[in-house]
Amino acid sequence: MTRAKTKKIKFLKGEKLMYLLLAFLILAIPVCNVLTQALLSESNIEVSKLQNKIEKQAKTNESLNMQINELASLENIKALADELGLSYNNNNIKSINE
């Protein structure tokens, strides 16, 4: 019986480097993709939190504007003037239109 001789495949130095680089890229690309998706998800969560904060502040601003309008109403001014013993004279009122 004779044994079949097997030849060892010899790689050149450049070929070894190319195969090593190819293996590294095959592993690195999916890892980079997952990391990028994680960063994007984190950024989206921060954007969502900021949008909620902005909406809450807008509601607060609207409420405060309503309070300002209520306190600056003519009825409130008349009531406050009567309470302080002041007279309301329509001729002394000057309005400035914006």
Protein backbone atom coordinates (compact mmCIF):
# COMPACT_ATOMS: atom_id res chain seq x y z
CA MET A 1 0.00 0.00 0.00
CA THR A 2 1.18 3.34 -0.90
CA ARG A 3 0.18 6.45 0.76
CA ALA A 4 -1.15 9.28 -1.29
CA LYS A 5 1.11 12.21 -0.86
CA THR A 6 -0.61 15.41 0.08
CA LYS A 7 0.90 18.67 -0.82
CA LYS A 8 0.90 21.46 1.69
CA ILE A 9 -0.48 24.64 0.31
CA LYS A 10 2.07 27.36 0.71
CA PHE A 11 0.86 30.91 1.03
CA LEU A 12 2.92 33.84 0.10
CA LYS A 13 3.45 36.55 2.69
CA GLY A 14 1.08 38.88 0.86
CA GLU A 15 -1.61 36.20 0.63
CA LYS A 16 -1.48 35.54 4.37
CA LEU A 17 -1.90 39.24 5.04
CA MET A 18 -4.83 39.47 2.59
CA TYR A 19 -6.63 36.50 4.16
CA LEU A 20 -6.04 37.87 7.64
CA LEU A 21 -7.35 41.28 6.60
CA LEU A 22 -10.39 39.68 4.95
CA ALA A 23 -11.19 37.68 8.10
CA PHE A 24 -10.81 40.81 10.21
CA LEU A 25 -13.18 42.76 7.95
CA ILE A 26 -15.74 39.96 7.96
CA LEU A 27 -15.79 40.15 11.77
CA ALA A 28 -15.41 43.91 12.16
CA ILE A 29 -18.16 45.11 9.81
CA PRO A 30 -21.08 43.51 11.71
CA VAL A 31 -19.65 44.68 15.04
CA CYS A 32 -19.38 48.25 13.71
CA ASN A 33 -22.94 48.00 12.38
CA VAL A 34 -24.28 46.96 15.79
CA LEU A 35 -22.36 49.74 17.54
CA THR A 36 -23.68 52.30 15.08
CA GLN A 37 -27.26 51.12 15.60
CA ALA A 38 -26.80 51.32 19.39
CA LEU A 39 -25.50 54.90 19.16
CA LEU A 40 -28.36 55.85 16.86
CA SER A 41 -30.90 54.34 19.24
CA GLU A 42 -29.38 56.23 22.17
CA SER A 43 -29.52 59.48 20.21
CA ASN A 44 -33.17 58.87 19.32
CA ILE A 45 -34.00 58.33 22.99
CA GLU A 46 -32.33 61.62 23.90
CA VAL A 47 -34.22 63.44 21.13
CA SER A 48 -37.50 61.97 22.37
CA LYS A 49 -36.76 63.12 25.93
CA LEU A 50 -35.94 66.63 24.72
CA GLN A 51 -39.15 66.78 22.65
CA ASN A 52 -41.19 65.80 25.72
CA LYS A 53 -39.41 68.46 27.75
CA ILE A 54 -40.09 71.08 25.06
CA GLU A 55 -43.79 70.14 24.93
CA LYS A 56 -44.04 70.37 28.72
CA GLN A 57 -42.38 73.80 28.70
CA ALA A 58 -44.69 74.99 25.91
CA LYS A 59 -47.73 73.98 27.98
CA THR A 60 -46.31 75.82 30.98
CA ASN A 61 -45.70 78.91 28.86
CA GLU A 62 -49.26 78.78 27.52
CA SER A 63 -50.64 78.50 31.04
CA LEU A 64 -48.57 81.45 32.20
CA ASN A 65 -49.71 83.54 29.22
CA MET A 66 -53.32 82.77 30.11
CA GLN A 67 -52.68 83.90 33.69
CA ILE A 68 -51.09 87.12 32.43
CA ASN A 69 -54.09 87.83 30.21
CA GLU A 70 -56.46 87.10 33.07
CA LEU A 71 -54.62 89.40 35.48
CA ALA A 72 -54.39 92.16 32.87
CA SER A 73 -58.11 92.04 32.08
CA LEU A 74 -60.15 95.22 32.43
CA GLU A 75 -62.46 93.67 35.04
CA ASN A 76 -59.52 92.70 37.22
CA ILE A 77 -58.01 96.18 36.93
CA LYS A 78 -61.33 97.81 37.89
CA ALA A 79 -61.75 95.46 40.85
CA LEU A 80 -58.22 96.15 42.05
CA ALA A 81 -58.69 99.92 41.64
CA ASP A 82 -61.93 99.81 43.69
CA GLU A 83 -60.23 97.68 46.34
CA LEU A 84 -57.40 100.21 46.70
CA GLY A 85 -59.83 103.13 46.78
CA LEU A 86 -58.83 104.50 43.40
CA SER A 87 -61.30 105.91 40.94
CA TYR A 88 -61.58 104.59 37.42
CA ASN A 89 -61.61 107.46 34.94
CA ASN A 90 -61.83 106.32 31.34
CA ASN A 91 -60.55 109.68 30.07
CA ASN A 92 -57.16 109.18 31.77
CA ILE A 93 -56.52 105.83 30.13
CA LYS A 94 -54.16 105.83 27.17
CA SER A 95 -53.82 102.67 25.16
CA ILE A 96 -50.84 101.76 23.06
CA ASN A 97 -51.63 99.51 20.13
CA GLU A 98 -48.94 97.17 18.91
